[in-house]
Amino acid sequence: PDDSFVVSTIGRLVEIKGHDYILD
């Protein structure tokens, strides 16, 4: 959406990048 507040994470989808904690 035009008015969205965007929080971007750029990188390989591997465990040590912490994506699971971002989902939390």
PDBML (XML) file of the C-alpha atoms, coordinates in Angstrom:
<?xml version="1.0" encoding="UTF-8" ?>
<PDBx:datablock datablockName="MODEL"
   xmlns:PDBx="http://pdbml.pdb.org/schema/pdbx-v50.xsd"
   xmlns:xsi="http://www.w3.org/2001/XMLSchema-instance"
   xsi:schemaLocation="http://pdbml.pdb.org/schema/pdbx-v50.xsd pdbx-v50.xsd">
   <PDBx:atom_siteCategory>
      <PDBx:atom_site id="1">
         <PDBx:B_iso_or_equiv>0.00</PDBx:B_iso_or_equiv>
         <PDBx:Cartn_x>0.000</PDBx:Cartn_x>
         <PDBx:Cartn_y>0.000</PDBx:Cartn_y>
         <PDBx:Cartn_z>0.000</PDBx:Cartn_z>
         <PDBx:auth_asym_id>A</PDBx:auth_asym_id>
         <PDBx:auth_atom_id>CA</PDBx:auth_atom_id>
         <PDBx:auth_comp_id>PRO</PDBx:auth_comp_id>
         <PDBx:auth_seq_id>1</PDBx:auth_seq_id>
         <PDBx:group_PDB>ATOM</PDBx:group_PDB>
         <PDBx:label_alt_id xsi:nil="true" />
         <PDBx:label_asym_id>A</PDBx:label_asym_id>
         <PDBx:label_atom_id>CA</PDBx:label_atom_id>
         <PDBx:label_comp_id>PRO</PDBx:label_comp_id>
         <PDBx:label_entity_id>1</PDBx:label_entity_id>
         <PDBx:label_seq_id>1</PDBx:label_seq_id>
         <PDBx:occupancy>1.00</PDBx:occupancy>
         <PDBx:pdbx_PDB_model_num>1</PDBx:pdbx_PDB_model_num>
         <PDBx:type_symbol>C</PDBx:type_symbol>
      </PDBx:atom_site>
      <PDBx:atom_site id="2">
         <PDBx:B_iso_or_equiv>0.00</PDBx:B_iso_or_equiv>
         <PDBx:Cartn_x>1.071</PDBx:Cartn_x>
         <PDBx:Cartn_y>3.596</PDBx:Cartn_y>
         <PDBx:Cartn_z>-0.634</PDBx:Cartn_z>
         <PDBx:auth_asym_id>A</PDBx:auth_asym_id>
         <PDBx:auth_atom_id>CA</PDBx:auth_atom_id>
         <PDBx:auth_comp_id>ASP</PDBx:auth_comp_id>
         <PDBx:auth_seq_id>2</PDBx:auth_seq_id>
         <PDBx:group_PDB>ATOM</PDBx:group_PDB>
         <PDBx:label_alt_id xsi:nil="true" />
         <PDBx:label_asym_id>A</PDBx:label_asym_id>
         <PDBx:label_atom_id>CA</PDBx:label_atom_id>
         <PDBx:label_comp_id>ASP</PDBx:label_comp_id>
         <PDBx:label_entity_id>1</PDBx:label_entity_id>
         <PDBx:label_seq_id>2</PDBx:label_seq_id>
         <PDBx:occupancy>1.00</PDBx:occupancy>
         <PDBx:pdbx_PDB_model_num>1</PDBx:pdbx_PDB_model_num>
         <PDBx:type_symbol>C</PDBx:type_symbol>
      </PDBx:atom_site>
      <PDBx:atom_site id="3">
         <PDBx:B_iso_or_equiv>0.00</PDBx:B_iso_or_equiv>
         <PDBx:Cartn_x>1.008</PDBx:Cartn_x>
         <PDBx:Cartn_y>4.452</PDBx:Cartn_y>
         <PDBx:Cartn_z>3.065</PDBx:Cartn_z>
         <PDBx:auth_asym_id>A</PDBx:auth_asym_id>
         <PDBx:auth_atom_id>CA</PDBx:auth_atom_id>
         <PDBx:auth_comp_id>ASP</PDBx:auth_comp_id>
         <PDBx:auth_seq_id>3</PDBx:auth_seq_id>
         <PDBx:group_PDB>ATOM</PDBx:group_PDB>
         <PDBx:label_alt_id xsi:nil="true" />
         <PDBx:label_asym_id>A</PDBx:label_asym_id>
         <PDBx:label_atom_id>CA</PDBx:label_atom_id>
         <PDBx:label_comp_id>ASP</PDBx:label_comp_id>
         <PDBx:label_entity_id>1</PDBx:label_entity_id>
         <PDBx:label_seq_id>3</PDBx:label_seq_id>
         <PDBx:occupancy>1.00</PDBx:occupancy>
         <PDBx:pdbx_PDB_model_num>1</PDBx:pdbx_PDB_model_num>
         <PDBx:type_symbol>C</PDBx:type_symbol>
      </PDBx:atom_site>
      <PDBx:atom_site id="4">
         <PDBx:B_iso_or_equiv>0.00</PDBx:B_iso_or_equiv>
         <PDBx:Cartn_x>2.807</PDBx:Cartn_x>
         <PDBx:Cartn_y>1.313</PDBx:Cartn_y>
         <PDBx:Cartn_z>4.316</PDBx:Cartn_z>
         <PDBx:auth_asym_id>A</PDBx:auth_asym_id>
         <PDBx:auth_atom_id>CA</PDBx:auth_atom_id>
         <PDBx:auth_comp_id>SER</PDBx:auth_comp_id>
         <PDBx:auth_seq_id>4</PDBx:auth_seq_id>
         <PDBx:group_PDB>ATOM</PDBx:group_PDB>
         <PDBx:label_alt_id xsi:nil="true" />
         <PDBx:label_asym_id>A</PDBx:label_asym_id>
         <PDBx:label_atom_id>CA</PDBx:label_atom_id>
         <PDBx:label_comp_id>SER</PDBx:label_comp_id>
         <PDBx:label_entity_id>1</PDBx:label_entity_id>
         <PDBx:label_seq_id>4</PDBx:label_seq_id>
         <PDBx:occupancy>1.00</PDBx:occupancy>
         <PDBx:pdbx_PDB_model_num>1</PDBx:pdbx_PDB_model_num>
         <PDBx:type_symbol>C</PDBx:type_symbol>
      </PDBx:atom_site>
      <PDBx:atom_site id="5">
         <PDBx:B_iso_or_equiv>0.00</PDBx:B_iso_or_equiv>
         <PDBx:Cartn_x>5.789</PDBx:Cartn_x>
         <PDBx:Cartn_y>1.569</PDBx:Cartn_y>
         <PDBx:Cartn_z>6.672</PDBx:Cartn_z>
         <PDBx:auth_asym_id>A</PDBx:auth_asym_id>
         <PDBx:auth_atom_id>CA</PDBx:auth_atom_id>
         <PDBx:auth_comp_id>PHE</PDBx:auth_comp_id>
         <PDBx:auth_seq_id>5</PDBx:auth_seq_id>
         <PDBx:group_PDB>ATOM</PDBx:group_PDB>
         <PDBx:label_alt_id xsi:nil="true" />
         <PDBx:label_asym_id>A</PDBx:label_asym_id>
         <PDBx:label_atom_id>CA</PDBx:label_atom_id>
         <PDBx:label_comp_id>PHE</PDBx:label_comp_id>
         <PDBx:label_entity_id>1</PDBx:label_entity_id>
         <PDBx:label_seq_id>5</PDBx:label_seq_id>
         <PDBx:occupancy>1.00</PDBx:occupancy>
         <PDBx:pdbx_PDB_model_num>1</PDBx:pdbx_PDB_model_num>
         <PDBx:type_symbol>C</PDBx:type_symbol>
      </PDBx:atom_site>
      <PDBx:atom_site id="6">
         <PDBx:B_iso_or_equiv>0.00</PDBx:B_iso_or_equiv>
         <PDBx:Cartn_x>8.372</PDBx:Cartn_x>
         <PDBx:Cartn_y>-0.715</PDBx:Cartn_y>
         <PDBx:Cartn_z>5.064</PDBx:Cartn_z>
         <PDBx:auth_asym_id>A</PDBx:auth_asym_id>
         <PDBx:auth_atom_id>CA</PDBx:auth_atom_id>
         <PDBx:auth_comp_id>VAL</PDBx:auth_comp_id>
         <PDBx:auth_seq_id>6</PDBx:auth_seq_id>
         <PDBx:group_PDB>ATOM</PDBx:group_PDB>
         <PDBx:label_alt_id xsi:nil="true" />
         <PDBx:label_asym_id>A</PDBx:label_asym_id>
         <PDBx:label_atom_id>CA</PDBx:label_atom_id>
         <PDBx:label_comp_id>VAL</PDBx:label_comp_id>
         <PDBx:label_entity_id>1</PDBx:label_entity_id>
         <PDBx:label_seq_id>6</PDBx:label_seq_id>
         <PDBx:occupancy>1.00</PDBx:occupancy>
         <PDBx:pdbx_PDB_model_num>1</PDBx:pdbx_PDB_model_num>
         <PDBx:type_symbol>C</PDBx:type_symbol>
      </PDBx:atom_site>
      <PDBx:atom_site id="7">
         <PDBx:B_iso_or_equiv>0.00</PDBx:B_iso_or_equiv>
         <PDBx:Cartn_x>10.899</PDBx:Cartn_x>
         <PDBx:Cartn_y>-2.685</PDBx:Cartn_y>
         <PDBx:Cartn_z>7.108</PDBx:Cartn_z>
         <PDBx:auth_asym_id>A</PDBx:auth_asym_id>
         <PDBx:auth_atom_id>CA</PDBx:auth_atom_id>
         <PDBx:auth_comp_id>VAL</PDBx:auth_comp_id>
         <PDBx:auth_seq_id>7</PDBx:auth_seq_id>
         <PDBx:group_PDB>ATOM</PDBx:group_PDB>
         <PDBx:label_alt_id xsi:nil="true" />
         <PDBx:label_asym_id>A</PDBx:label_asym_id>
         <PDBx:label_atom_id>CA</PDBx:label_atom_id>
         <PDBx:label_comp_id>VAL</PDBx:label_comp_id>
         <PDBx:label_entity_id>1</PDBx:label_entity_id>
         <PDBx:label_seq_id>7</PDBx:label_seq_id>
         <PDBx:occupancy>1.00</PDBx:occupancy>
         <PDBx:pdbx_PDB_model_num>1</PDBx:pdbx_PDB_model_num>
         <PDBx:type_symbol>C</PDBx:type_symbol>
      </PDBx:atom_site>
      <PDBx:atom_site id="8">
         <PDBx:B_iso_or_equiv>0.00</PDBx:B_iso_or_equiv>
         <PDBx:Cartn_x>13.254</PDBx:Cartn_x>
         <PDBx:Cartn_y>-4.485</PDBx:Cartn_y>
         <PDBx:Cartn_z>4.707</PDBx:Cartn_z>
         <PDBx:auth_asym_id>A</PDBx:auth_asym_id>
         <PDBx:auth_atom_id>CA</PDBx:auth_atom_id>
         <PDBx:auth_comp_id>SER</PDBx:auth_comp_id>
         <PDBx:auth_seq_id>8</PDBx:auth_seq_id>
         <PDBx:group_PDB>ATOM</PDBx:group_PDB>
         <PDBx:label_alt_id xsi:nil="true" />
         <PDBx:label_asym_id>A</PDBx:label_asym_id>
         <PDBx:label_atom_id>CA</PDBx:label_atom_id>
         <PDBx:label_comp_id>SER</PDBx:label_comp_id>
         <PDBx:label_entity_id>1</PDBx:label_entity_id>
         <PDBx:label_seq_id>8</PDBx:label_seq_id>
         <PDBx:occupancy>1.00</PDBx:occupancy>
         <PDBx:pdbx_PDB_model_num>1</PDBx:pdbx_PDB_model_num>
         <PDBx:type_symbol>C</PDBx:type_symbol>
      </PDBx:atom_site>
      <PDBx:atom_site id="9">
         <PDBx:B_iso_or_equiv>0.00</PDBx:B_iso_or_equiv>
         <PDBx:Cartn_x>15.621</PDBx:Cartn_x>
         <PDBx:Cartn_y>-7.371</PDBx:Cartn_y>
         <PDBx:Cartn_z>5.322</PDBx:Cartn_z>
         <PDBx:auth_asym_id>A</PDBx:auth_asym_id>
         <PDBx:auth_atom_id>CA</PDBx:auth_atom_id>
         <PDBx:auth_comp_id>THR</PDBx:auth_comp_id>
         <PDBx:auth_seq_id>9</PDBx:auth_seq_id>
         <PDBx:group_PDB>ATOM</PDBx:group_PDB>
         <PDBx:label_alt_id xsi:nil="true" />
         <PDBx:label_asym_id>A</PDBx:label_asym_id>
         <PDBx:label_atom_id>CA</PDBx:label_atom_id>
         <PDBx:label_comp_id>THR</PDBx:label_comp_id>
         <PDBx:label_entity_id>1</PDBx:label_entity_id>
         <PDBx:label_seq_id>9</PDBx:label_seq_id>
         <PDBx:occupancy>1.00</PDBx:occupancy>
         <PDBx:pdbx_PDB_model_num>1</PDBx:pdbx_PDB_model_num>
         <PDBx:type_symbol>C</PDBx:type_symbol>
      </PDBx:atom_site>
      <PDBx:atom_site id="10">
         <PDBx:B_iso_or_equiv>0.00</PDBx:B_iso_or_equiv>
         <PDBx:Cartn_x>17.936</PDBx:Cartn_x>
         <PDBx:Cartn_y>-8.216</PDBx:Cartn_y>
         <PDBx:Cartn_z>2.426</PDBx:Cartn_z>
         <PDBx:auth_asym_id>A</PDBx:auth_asym_id>
         <PDBx:auth_atom_id>CA</PDBx:auth_atom_id>
         <PDBx:auth_comp_id>ILE</PDBx:auth_comp_id>
         <PDBx:auth_seq_id>10</PDBx:auth_seq_id>
         <PDBx:group_PDB>ATOM</PDBx:group_PDB>
         <PDBx:label_alt_id xsi:nil="true" />
         <PDBx:label_asym_id>A</PDBx:label_asym_id>
         <PDBx:label_atom_id>CA</PDBx:label_atom_id>
         <PDBx:label_comp_id>ILE</PDBx:label_comp_id>
         <PDBx:label_entity_id>1</PDBx:label_entity_id>
         <PDBx:label_seq_id>10</PDBx:label_seq_id>
         <PDBx:occupancy>1.00</PDBx:occupancy>
         <PDBx:pdbx_PDB_model_num>1</PDBx:pdbx_PDB_model_num>
         <PDBx:type_symbol>C</PDBx:type_symbol>
      </PDBx:atom_site>
      <PDBx:atom_site id="11">
         <PDBx:B_iso_or_equiv>0.00</PDBx:B_iso_or_equiv>
         <PDBx:Cartn_x>20.042</PDBx:Cartn_x>
         <PDBx:Cartn_y>-11.367</PDBx:Cartn_y>
         <PDBx:Cartn_z>2.405</PDBx:Cartn_z>
         <PDBx:auth_asym_id>A</PDBx:auth_asym_id>
         <PDBx:auth_atom_id>CA</PDBx:auth_atom_id>
         <PDBx:auth_comp_id>GLY</PDBx:auth_comp_id>
         <PDBx:auth_seq_id>11</PDBx:auth_seq_id>
         <PDBx:group_PDB>ATOM</PDBx:group_PDB>
         <PDBx:label_alt_id xsi:nil="true" />
         <PDBx:label_asym_id>A</PDBx:label_asym_id>
         <PDBx:label_atom_id>CA</PDBx:label_atom_id>
         <PDBx:label_comp_id>GLY</PDBx:label_comp_id>
         <PDBx:label_entity_id>1</PDBx:label_entity_id>
         <PDBx:label_seq_id>11</PDBx:label_seq_id>
         <PDBx:occupancy>1.00</PDBx:occupancy>
         <PDBx:pdbx_PDB_model_num>1</PDBx:pdbx_PDB_model_num>
         <PDBx:type_symbol>C</PDBx:type_symbol>
      </PDBx:atom_site>
      <PDBx:atom_site id="12">
         <PDBx:B_iso_or_equiv>0.00</PDBx:B_iso_or_equiv>
         <PDBx:Cartn_x>20.187</PDBx:Cartn_x>
         <PDBx:Cartn_y>-15.124</PDBx:Cartn_y>
         <PDBx:Cartn_z>2.033</PDBx:Cartn_z>
         <PDBx:auth_asym_id>A</PDBx:auth_asym_id>
         <PDBx:auth_atom_id>CA</PDBx:auth_atom_id>
         <PDBx:auth_comp_id>ARG</PDBx:auth_comp_id>
         <PDBx:auth_seq_id>12</PDBx:auth_seq_id>
         <PDBx:group_PDB>ATOM</PDBx:group_PDB>
         <PDBx:label_alt_id xsi:nil="true" />
         <PDBx:label_asym_id>A</PDBx:label_asym_id>
         <PDBx:label_atom_id>CA</PDBx:label_atom_id>
         <PDBx:label_comp_id>ARG</PDBx:label_comp_id>
         <PDBx:label_entity_id>1</PDBx:label_entity_id>
         <PDBx:label_seq_id>12</PDBx:label_seq_id>
         <PDBx:occupancy>1.00</PDBx:occupancy>
         <PDBx:pdbx_PDB_model_num>1</PDBx:pdbx_PDB_model_num>
         <PDBx:type_symbol>C</PDBx:type_symbol>
      </PDBx:atom_site>
      <PDBx:atom_site id="13">
         <PDBx:B_iso_or_equiv>0.00</PDBx:B_iso_or_equiv>
         <PDBx:Cartn_x>17.384</PDBx:Cartn_x>
         <PDBx:Cartn_y>-17.025</PDBx:Cartn_y>
         <PDBx:Cartn_z>3.729</PDBx:Cartn_z>
         <PDBx:auth_asym_id>A</PDBx:auth_asym_id>
         <PDBx:auth_atom_id>CA</PDBx:auth_atom_id>
         <PDBx:auth_comp_id>LEU</PDBx:auth_comp_id>
         <PDBx:auth_seq_id>13</PDBx:auth_seq_id>
         <PDBx:group_PDB>ATOM</PDBx:group_PDB>
         <PDBx:label_alt_id xsi:nil="true" />
         <PDBx:label_asym_id>A</PDBx:label_asym_id>
         <PDBx:label_atom_id>CA</PDBx:label_atom_id>
         <PDBx:label_comp_id>LEU</PDBx:label_comp_id>
         <PDBx:label_entity_id>1</PDBx:label_entity_id>
         <PDBx:label_seq_id>13</PDBx:label_seq_id>
         <PDBx:occupancy>1.00</PDBx:occupancy>
         <PDBx:pdbx_PDB_model_num>1</PDBx:pdbx_PDB_model_num>
         <PDBx:type_symbol>C</PDBx:type_symbol>
      </PDBx:atom_site>
      <PDBx:atom_site id="14">
         <PDBx:B_iso_or_equiv>0.00</PDBx:B_iso_or_equiv>
         <PDBx:Cartn_x>19.604</PDBx:Cartn_x>
         <PDBx:Cartn_y>-18.983</PDBx:Cartn_y>
         <PDBx:Cartn_z>6.110</PDBx:Cartn_z>
         <PDBx:auth_asym_id>A</PDBx:auth_asym_id>
         <PDBx:auth_atom_id>CA</PDBx:auth_atom_id>
         <PDBx:auth_comp_id>VAL</PDBx:auth_comp_id>
         <PDBx:auth_seq_id>14</PDBx:auth_seq_id>
         <PDBx:group_PDB>ATOM</PDBx:group_PDB>
         <PDBx:label_alt_id xsi:nil="true" />
         <PDBx:label_asym_id>A</PDBx:label_asym_id>
         <PDBx:label_atom_id>CA</PDBx:label_atom_id>
         <PDBx:label_comp_id>VAL</PDBx:label_comp_id>
         <PDBx:label_entity_id>1</PDBx:label_entity_id>
         <PDBx:label_seq_id>14</PDBx:label_seq_id>
         <PDBx:occupancy>1.00</PDBx:occupancy>
         <PDBx:pdbx_PDB_model_num>1</PDBx:pdbx_PDB_model_num>
         <PDBx:type_symbol>C</PDBx:type_symbol>
      </PDBx:atom_site>
      <PDBx:atom_site id="15">
         <PDBx:B_iso_or_equiv>0.00</PDBx:B_iso_or_equiv>
         <PDBx:Cartn_x>19.088</PDBx:Cartn_x>
         <PDBx:Cartn_y>-19.631</PDBx:Cartn_y>
         <PDBx:Cartn_z>9.804</PDBx:Cartn_z>
         <PDBx:auth_asym_id>A</PDBx:auth_asym_id>
         <PDBx:auth_atom_id>CA</PDBx:auth_atom_id>
         <PDBx:auth_comp_id>GLU</PDBx:auth_comp_id>
         <PDBx:auth_seq_id>15</PDBx:auth_seq_id>
         <PDBx:group_PDB>ATOM</PDBx:group_PDB>
         <PDBx:label_alt_id xsi:nil="true" />
         <PDBx:label_asym_id>A</PDBx:label_asym_id>
         <PDBx:label_atom_id>CA</PDBx:label_atom_id>
         <PDBx:label_comp_id>GLU</PDBx:label_comp_id>
         <PDBx:label_entity_id>1</PDBx:label_entity_id>
         <PDBx:label_seq_id>15</PDBx:label_seq_id>
         <PDBx:occupancy>1.00</PDBx:occupancy>
         <PDBx:pdbx_PDB_model_num>1</PDBx:pdbx_PDB_model_num>
         <PDBx:type_symbol>C</PDBx:type_symbol>
      </PDBx:atom_site>
      <PDBx:atom_site id="16">
         <PDBx:B_iso_or_equiv>0.00</PDBx:B_iso_or_equiv>
         <PDBx:Cartn_x>21.809</PDBx:Cartn_x>
         <PDBx:Cartn_y>-17.339</PDBx:Cartn_y>
         <PDBx:Cartn_z>11.167</PDBx:Cartn_z>
         <PDBx:auth_asym_id>A</PDBx:auth_asym_id>
         <PDBx:auth_atom_id>CA</PDBx:auth_atom_id>
         <PDBx:auth_comp_id>ILE</PDBx:auth_comp_id>
         <PDBx:auth_seq_id>16</PDBx:auth_seq_id>
         <PDBx:group_PDB>ATOM</PDBx:group_PDB>
         <PDBx:label_alt_id xsi:nil="true" />
         <PDBx:label_asym_id>A</PDBx:label_asym_id>
         <PDBx:label_atom_id>CA</PDBx:label_atom_id>
         <PDBx:label_comp_id>ILE</PDBx:label_comp_id>
         <PDBx:label_entity_id>1</PDBx:label_entity_id>
         <PDBx:label_seq_id>16</PDBx:label_seq_id>
         <PDBx:occupancy>1.00</PDBx:occupancy>
         <PDBx:pdbx_PDB_model_num>1</PDBx:pdbx_PDB_model_num>
         <PDBx:type_symbol>C</PDBx:type_symbol>
      </PDBx:atom_site>
      <PDBx:atom_site id="17">
         <PDBx:B_iso_or_equiv>0.00</PDBx:B_iso_or_equiv>
         <PDBx:Cartn_x>20.275</PDBx:Cartn_x>
         <PDBx:Cartn_y>-14.303</PDBx:Cartn_y>
         <PDBx:Cartn_z>9.448</PDBx:Cartn_z>
         <PDBx:auth_asym_id>A</PDBx:auth_asym_id>
         <PDBx:auth_atom_id>CA</PDBx:auth_atom_id>
         <PDBx:auth_comp_id>LYS</PDBx:auth_comp_id>
         <PDBx:auth_seq_id>17</PDBx:auth_seq_id>
         <PDBx:group_PDB>ATOM</PDBx:group_PDB>
         <PDBx:label_alt_id xsi:nil="true" />
         <PDBx:label_asym_id>A</PDBx:label_asym_id>
         <PDBx:label_atom_id>CA</PDBx:label_atom_id>
         <PDBx:label_comp_id>LYS</PDBx:label_comp_id>
         <PDBx:label_entity_id>1</PDBx:label_entity_id>
         <PDBx:label_seq_id>17</PDBx:label_seq_id>
         <PDBx:occupancy>1.00</PDBx:occupancy>
         <PDBx:pdbx_PDB_model_num>1</PDBx:pdbx_PDB_model_num>
         <PDBx:type_symbol>C</PDBx:type_symbol>
      </PDBx:atom_site>
      <PDBx:atom_site id="18">
         <PDBx:B_iso_or_equiv>0.00</PDBx:B_iso_or_equiv>
         <PDBx:Cartn_x>17.543</PDBx:Cartn_x>
         <PDBx:Cartn_y>-14.340</PDBx:Cartn_y>
         <PDBx:Cartn_z>12.097</PDBx:Cartn_z>
         <PDBx:auth_asym_id>A</PDBx:auth_asym_id>
         <PDBx:auth_atom_id>CA</PDBx:auth_atom_id>
         <PDBx:auth_comp_id>GLY</PDBx:auth_comp_id>
         <PDBx:auth_seq_id>18</PDBx:auth_seq_id>
         <PDBx:group_PDB>ATOM</PDBx:group_PDB>
         <PDBx:label_alt_id xsi:nil="true" />
         <PDBx:label_asym_id>A</PDBx:label_asym_id>
         <PDBx:label_atom_id>CA</PDBx:label_atom_id>
         <PDBx:label_comp_id>GLY</PDBx:label_comp_id>
         <PDBx:label_entity_id>1</PDBx:label_entity_id>
         <PDBx:label_seq_id>18</PDBx:label_seq_id>
         <PDBx:occupancy>1.00</PDBx:occupancy>
         <PDBx:pdbx_PDB_model_num>1</PDBx:pdbx_PDB_model_num>
         <PDBx:type_symbol>C</PDBx:type_symbol>
      </PDBx:atom_site>
      <PDBx:atom_site id="19">
         <PDBx:B_iso_or_equiv>0.00</PDBx:B_iso_or_equiv>
         <PDBx:Cartn_x>14.425</PDBx:Cartn_x>
         <PDBx:Cartn_y>-14.305</PDBx:Cartn_y>
         <PDBx:Cartn_z>9.903</PDBx:Cartn_z>
         <PDBx:auth_asym_id>A</PDBx:auth_asym_id>
         <PDBx:auth_atom_id>CA</PDBx:auth_atom_id>
         <PDBx:auth_comp_id>HIS</PDBx:auth_comp_id>
         <PDBx:auth_seq_id>19</PDBx:auth_seq_id>
         <PDBx:group_PDB>ATOM</PDBx:group_PDB>
         <PDBx:label_alt_id xsi:nil="true" />
         <PDBx:label_asym_id>A</PDBx:label_asym_id>
         <PDBx:label_atom_id>CA</PDBx:label_atom_id>
         <PDBx:label_comp_id>HIS</PDBx:label_comp_id>
         <PDBx:label_entity_id>1</PDBx:label_entity_id>
         <PDBx:label_seq_id>19</PDBx:label_seq_id>
         <PDBx:occupancy>1.00</PDBx:occupancy>
         <PDBx:pdbx_PDB_model_num>1</PDBx:pdbx_PDB_model_num>
         <PDBx:type_symbol>C</PDBx:type_symbol>
      </PDBx:atom_site>
      <PDBx:atom_site id="20">
         <PDBx:B_iso_or_equiv>0.00</PDBx:B_iso_or_equiv>
         <PDBx:Cartn_x>12.564</PDBx:Cartn_x>
         <PDBx:Cartn_y>-16.423</PDBx:Cartn_y>
         <PDBx:Cartn_z>12.447</PDBx:Cartn_z>
         <PDBx:auth_asym_id>A</PDBx:auth_asym_id>
         <PDBx:auth_atom_id>CA</PDBx:auth_atom_id>
         <PDBx:auth_comp_id>ASP</PDBx:auth_comp_id>
         <PDBx:auth_seq_id>20</PDBx:auth_seq_id>
         <PDBx:group_PDB>ATOM</PDBx:group_PDB>
         <PDBx:label_alt_id xsi:nil="true" />
         <PDBx:label_asym_id>A</PDBx:label_asym_id>
         <PDBx:label_atom_id>CA</PDBx:label_atom_id>
         <PDBx:label_comp_id>ASP</PDBx:label_comp_id>
         <PDBx:label_entity_id>1</PDBx:label_entity_id>
         <PDBx:label_seq_id>20</PDBx:label_seq_id>
         <PDBx:occupancy>1.00</PDBx:occupancy>
         <PDBx:pdbx_PDB_model_num>1</PDBx:pdbx_PDB_model_num>
         <PDBx:type_symbol>C</PDBx:type_symbol>
      </PDBx:atom_site>
      <PDBx:atom_site id="21">
         <PDBx:B_iso_or_equiv>0.00</PDBx:B_iso_or_equiv>
         <PDBx:Cartn_x>13.041</PDBx:Cartn_x>
         <PDBx:Cartn_y>-13.741</PDBx:Cartn_y>
         <PDBx:Cartn_z>15.085</PDBx:Cartn_z>
         <PDBx:auth_asym_id>A</PDBx:auth_asym_id>
         <PDBx:auth_atom_id>CA</PDBx:auth_atom_id>
         <PDBx:auth_comp_id>TYR</PDBx:auth_comp_id>
         <PDBx:auth_seq_id>21</PDBx:auth_seq_id>
         <PDBx:group_PDB>ATOM</PDBx:group_PDB>
         <PDBx:label_alt_id xsi:nil="true" />
         <PDBx:label_asym_id>A</PDBx:label_asym_id>
         <PDBx:label_atom_id>CA</PDBx:label_atom_id>
         <PDBx:label_comp_id>TYR</PDBx:label_comp_id>
         <PDBx:label_entity_id>1</PDBx:label_entity_id>
         <PDBx:label_seq_id>21</PDBx:label_seq_id>
         <PDBx:occupancy>1.00</PDBx:occupancy>
         <PDBx:pdbx_PDB_model_num>1</PDBx:pdbx_PDB_model_num>
         <PDBx:type_symbol>C</PDBx:type_symbol>
      </PDBx:atom_site>
      <PDBx:atom_site id="22">
         <PDBx:B_iso_or_equiv>0.00</PDBx:B_iso_or_equiv>
         <PDBx:Cartn_x>11.774</PDBx:Cartn_x>
         <PDBx:Cartn_y>-11.134</PDBx:Cartn_y>
         <PDBx:Cartn_z>12.630</PDBx:Cartn_z>
         <PDBx:auth_asym_id>A</PDBx:auth_asym_id>
         <PDBx:auth_atom_id>CA</PDBx:auth_atom_id>
         <PDBx:auth_comp_id>ILE</PDBx:auth_comp_id>
         <PDBx:auth_seq_id>22</PDBx:auth_seq_id>
         <PDBx:group_PDB>ATOM</PDBx:group_PDB>
         <PDBx:label_alt_id xsi:nil="true" />
         <PDBx:label_asym_id>A</PDBx:label_asym_id>
         <PDBx:label_atom_id>CA</PDBx:label_atom_id>
         <PDBx:label_comp_id>ILE</PDBx:label_comp_id>
         <PDBx:label_entity_id>1</PDBx:label_entity_id>
         <PDBx:label_seq_id>22</PDBx:label_seq_id>
         <PDBx:occupancy>1.00</PDBx:occupancy>
         <PDBx:pdbx_PDB_model_num>1</PDBx:pdbx_PDB_model_num>
         <PDBx:type_symbol>C</PDBx:type_symbol>
      </PDBx:atom_site>
      <PDBx:atom_site id="23">
         <PDBx:B_iso_or_equiv>0.00</PDBx:B_iso_or_equiv>
         <PDBx:Cartn_x>8.636</PDBx:Cartn_x>
         <PDBx:Cartn_y>-13.232</PDBx:Cartn_y>
         <PDBx:Cartn_z>12.160</PDBx:Cartn_z>
         <PDBx:auth_asym_id>A</PDBx:auth_asym_id>
         <PDBx:auth_atom_id>CA</PDBx:auth_atom_id>
         <PDBx:auth_comp_id>LEU</PDBx:auth_comp_id>
         <PDBx:auth_seq_id>23</PDBx:auth_seq_id>
         <PDBx:group_PDB>ATOM</PDBx:group_PDB>
         <PDBx:label_alt_id xsi:nil="true" />
         <PDBx:label_asym_id>A</PDBx:label_asym_id>
         <PDBx:label_atom_id>CA</PDBx:label_atom_id>
         <PDBx:label_comp_id>LEU</PDBx:label_comp_id>
         <PDBx:label_entity_id>1</PDBx:label_entity_id>
         <PDBx:label_seq_id>23</PDBx:label_seq_id>
         <PDBx:occupancy>1.00</PDBx:occupancy>
         <PDBx:pdbx_PDB_model_num>1</PDBx:pdbx_PDB_model_num>
         <PDBx:type_symbol>C</PDBx:type_symbol>
      </PDBx:atom_site>
      <PDBx:atom_site id="24">
         <PDBx:B_iso_or_equiv>0.00</PDBx:B_iso_or_equiv>
         <PDBx:Cartn_x>8.274</PDBx:Cartn_x>
         <PDBx:Cartn_y>-13.281</PDBx:Cartn_y>
         <PDBx:Cartn_z>15.955</PDBx:Cartn_z>
         <PDBx:auth_asym_id>A</PDBx:auth_asym_id>
         <PDBx:auth_atom_id>CA</PDBx:auth_atom_id>
         <PDBx:auth_comp_id>ASP</PDBx:auth_comp_id>
         <PDBx:auth_seq_id>24</PDBx:auth_seq_id>
         <PDBx:group_PDB>ATOM</PDBx:group_PDB>
         <PDBx:label_alt_id xsi:nil="true" />
         <PDBx:label_asym_id>A</PDBx:label_asym_id>
         <PDBx:label_atom_id>CA</PDBx:label_atom_id>
         <PDBx:label_comp_id>ASP</PDBx:label_comp_id>
         <PDBx:label_entity_id>1</PDBx:label_entity_id>
         <PDBx:label_seq_id>24</PDBx:label_seq_id>
         <PDBx:occupancy>1.00</PDBx:occupancy>
         <PDBx:pdbx_PDB_model_num>1</PDBx:pdbx_PDB_model_num>
         <PDBx:type_symbol>C</PDBx:type_symbol>
      </PDBx:atom_site>
   </PDBx:atom_siteCategory>
</PDBx:datablock>
